[in-house]
Amino acid sequence: MVVGDIVSAVYDTTTIMEFRPAAGVGIAITILQAYAINIELTDGTANGLIANGTPNFLDMSTTKVMITNSIWLKTIAPSAQGSVFTGIQIQ
């Protein structure tokens, strides 16, 4: 992958969303949606809540989230109706 490439993923109702870019890669998440689930940033040890989707649909299409190999995106459990994100590689 190179800077400017689009990154997207769709997770079903049985899969925890966790996306960690390769070392040296930065991603700007532009759309992030899930249903009835919390979305966090993590460094593998500490977790920080960035969106509380409980108990409703969570649409973060107006909030941009930057992630790297050091701090990445995850949900704490599978979303009741799946989850999705899209973004662009910026580094």
C-alpha atoms as a PDB file:
ATOM      1  CA  MET A   1       0.000   0.000   0.000  1.00  0.00           C
ATOM      2  CA  VAL A   2       1.039   3.594  -0.612  1.00  0.00           C
ATOM      3  CA  VAL A   3      -0.063   7.027   0.545  1.00  0.00           C
ATOM      4  CA  GLY A   4      -3.436   7.837  -0.999  1.00  0.00           C
ATOM      5  CA  ASP A   5      -4.705   4.237  -1.113  1.00  0.00           C
ATOM      6  CA  ILE A   6      -8.223   3.604   0.187  1.00  0.00           C
ATOM      7  CA  VAL A   7      -8.613   1.243   3.145  1.00  0.00           C
ATOM      8  CA  SER A   8     -12.007  -0.318   3.946  1.00  0.00           C
ATOM      9  CA  ALA A   9     -13.341  -3.236   5.935  1.00  0.00           C
ATOM     10  CA  VAL A  10     -16.729  -4.732   6.756  1.00  0.00           C
ATOM     11  CA  TYR A  11     -17.113  -6.944   9.817  1.00  0.00           C
ATOM     12  CA  ASP A  12     -20.034  -9.332  10.309  1.00  0.00           C
ATOM     13  CA  THR A  13     -22.062  -9.768  13.493  1.00  0.00           C
ATOM     14  CA  THR A  14     -19.700 -12.434  14.850  1.00  0.00           C
ATOM     15  CA  THR A  15     -16.391 -10.602  14.412  1.00  0.00           C
ATOM     16  CA  ILE A  16     -14.741  -8.050  16.683  1.00  0.00           C
ATOM     17  CA  MET A  17     -13.586  -5.086  14.626  1.00  0.00           C
ATOM     18  CA  GLU A  18      -9.867  -4.564  15.093  1.00  0.00           C
ATOM     19  CA  PHE A  19      -7.723  -2.778  12.545  1.00  0.00           C
ATOM     20  CA  ARG A  20      -4.022  -2.218  13.079  1.00  0.00           C
ATOM     21  CA  PRO A  21      -1.994  -0.810  10.173  1.00  0.00           C
ATOM     22  CA  ALA A  22       1.457  -2.138   9.345  1.00  0.00           C
ATOM     23  CA  ALA A  23       4.497  -0.536  10.991  1.00  0.00           C
ATOM     24  CA  GLY A  24       5.194   2.951   9.610  1.00  0.00           C
ATOM     25  CA  VAL A  25       1.683   3.302   8.137  1.00  0.00           C
ATOM     26  CA  GLY A  26      -0.836   5.994   9.170  1.00  0.00           C
ATOM     27  CA  ILE A  27      -4.519   5.820   8.268  1.00  0.00           C
ATOM     28  CA  ALA A  28      -7.157   8.559   8.455  1.00  0.00           C
ATOM     29  CA  ILE A  29     -10.498   6.879   9.165  1.00  0.00           C
ATOM     30  CA  THR A  30     -13.185   8.915   7.405  1.00  0.00           C
ATOM     31  CA  ILE A  31     -16.301   6.809   8.055  1.00  0.00           C
ATOM     32  CA  LEU A  32     -16.852   4.498  11.009  1.00  0.00           C
ATOM     33  CA  GLN A  33     -20.196   2.878  11.726  1.00  0.00           C
ATOM     34  CA  ALA A  34     -21.409   0.224  14.136  1.00  0.00           C
ATOM     35  CA  TYR A  35     -24.562  -0.677  16.031  1.00  0.00           C
ATOM     36  CA  ALA A  36     -24.845  -0.833  19.823  1.00  0.00           C
ATOM     37  CA  ILE A  37     -21.141  -1.194  20.545  1.00  0.00           C
ATOM     38  CA  ASN A  38     -18.322   0.925  21.937  1.00  0.00           C
ATOM     39  CA  ILE A  39     -15.406   1.836  19.689  1.00  0.00           C
ATOM     40  CA  GLU A  40     -11.974   2.296  21.197  1.00  0.00           C
ATOM     41  CA  LEU A  41      -8.416   3.213  20.377  1.00  0.00           C
ATOM     42  CA  THR A  42      -5.822   0.917  21.935  1.00  0.00           C
ATOM     43  CA  ASP A  43      -2.084   0.534  22.221  1.00  0.00           C
ATOM     44  CA  GLY A  44      -2.467  -3.126  23.156  1.00  0.00           C
ATOM     45  CA  THR A  45      -2.463  -2.387  26.879  1.00  0.00           C
ATOM     46  CA  ALA A  46      -4.586   0.703  27.521  1.00  0.00           C
ATOM     47  CA  ASN A  47      -7.951   1.278  25.834  1.00  0.00           C
ATOM     48  CA  GLY A  48      -9.599   4.645  25.293  1.00  0.00           C
ATOM     49  CA  LEU A  49     -13.275   4.998  24.437  1.00  0.00           C
ATOM     50  CA  ILE A  50     -13.758   7.239  21.392  1.00  0.00           C
ATOM     51  CA  ALA A  51     -17.442   6.498  20.759  1.00  0.00           C
ATOM     52  CA  ASN A  52     -20.246   5.065  22.835  1.00  0.00           C
ATOM     53  CA  GLY A  53     -22.688   3.340  20.500  1.00  0.00           C
ATOM     54  CA  THR A  54     -24.765   1.802  23.247  1.00  0.00           C
ATOM     55  CA  PRO A  55     -27.659   1.282  22.775  1.00  0.00           C
ATOM     56  CA  ASN A  56     -28.064   2.843  19.322  1.00  0.00           C
ATOM     57  CA  PHE A  57     -26.536   3.017  15.891  1.00  0.00           C
ATOM     58  CA  LEU A  58     -23.210   4.820  15.898  1.00  0.00           C
ATOM     59  CA  ASP A  59     -22.300   6.950  12.902  1.00  0.00           C
ATOM     60  CA  MET A  60     -18.926   8.663  13.053  1.00  0.00           C
ATOM     61  CA  SER A  61     -18.952   9.955   9.483  1.00  0.00           C
ATOM     62  CA  THR A  62     -18.255  13.513  10.676  1.00  0.00           C
ATOM     63  CA  THR A  63     -15.469  12.580  13.119  1.00  0.00           C
ATOM     64  CA  LYS A  64     -12.062  11.731  11.690  1.00  0.00           C
ATOM     65  CA  VAL A  65      -9.827   9.291  13.537  1.00  0.00           C
ATOM     66  CA  MET A  66      -6.107   8.844  12.831  1.00  0.00           C
ATOM     67  CA  ILE A  67      -4.564   5.468  13.607  1.00  0.00           C
ATOM     68  CA  THR A  68      -1.086   3.966  13.371  1.00  0.00           C
ATOM     69  CA  ASN A  69       0.621   0.694  14.207  1.00  0.00           C
ATOM     70  CA  SER A  70       1.141   2.064  17.732  1.00  0.00           C
ATOM     71  CA  ILE A  71      -2.472   3.130  18.380  1.00  0.00           C
ATOM     72  CA  TRP A  72      -5.192   1.308  16.500  1.00  0.00           C
ATOM     73  CA  LEU A  73      -8.946   0.821  16.260  1.00  0.00           C
ATOM     74  CA  LYS A  74     -11.092  -1.864  17.884  1.00  0.00           C
ATOM     75  CA  THR A  75     -14.492  -2.732  19.287  1.00  0.00           C
ATOM     76  CA  ILE A  76     -14.915  -4.583  22.565  1.00  0.00           C
ATOM     77  CA  ALA A  77     -17.338  -7.118  21.051  1.00  0.00           C
ATOM     78  CA  PRO A  78     -18.991  -7.848  17.705  1.00  0.00           C
ATOM     79  CA  SER A  79     -21.601  -5.299  16.625  1.00  0.00           C
ATOM     80  CA  ALA A  80     -25.210  -6.510  16.619  1.00  0.00           C
ATOM     81  CA  GLN A  81     -25.583  -5.532  12.964  1.00  0.00           C
ATOM     82  CA  GLY A  82     -21.952  -5.603  11.882  1.00  0.00           C
ATOM     83  CA  SER A  83     -19.551  -2.697  11.581  1.00  0.00           C
ATOM     84  CA  VAL A  84     -17.708  -0.896   8.815  1.00  0.00           C
ATOM     85  CA  PHE A  85     -14.997   1.662   8.297  1.00  0.00           C
ATOM     86  CA  THR A  86     -13.257   3.327   5.405  1.00  0.00           C
ATOM     87  CA  GLY A  87     -10.251   5.595   5.298  1.00  0.00           C
ATOM     88  CA  ILE A  88      -7.182   6.661   3.401  1.00  0.00           C
ATOM     89  CA  GLN A  89      -3.510   5.962   3.939  1.00  0.00           C
ATOM     90  CA  ILE A  90      -1.783   9.216   4.899  1.00  0.00           C
ATOM     91  CA  GLN A  91       1.658   7.935   5.869  1.00  0.00           C
END
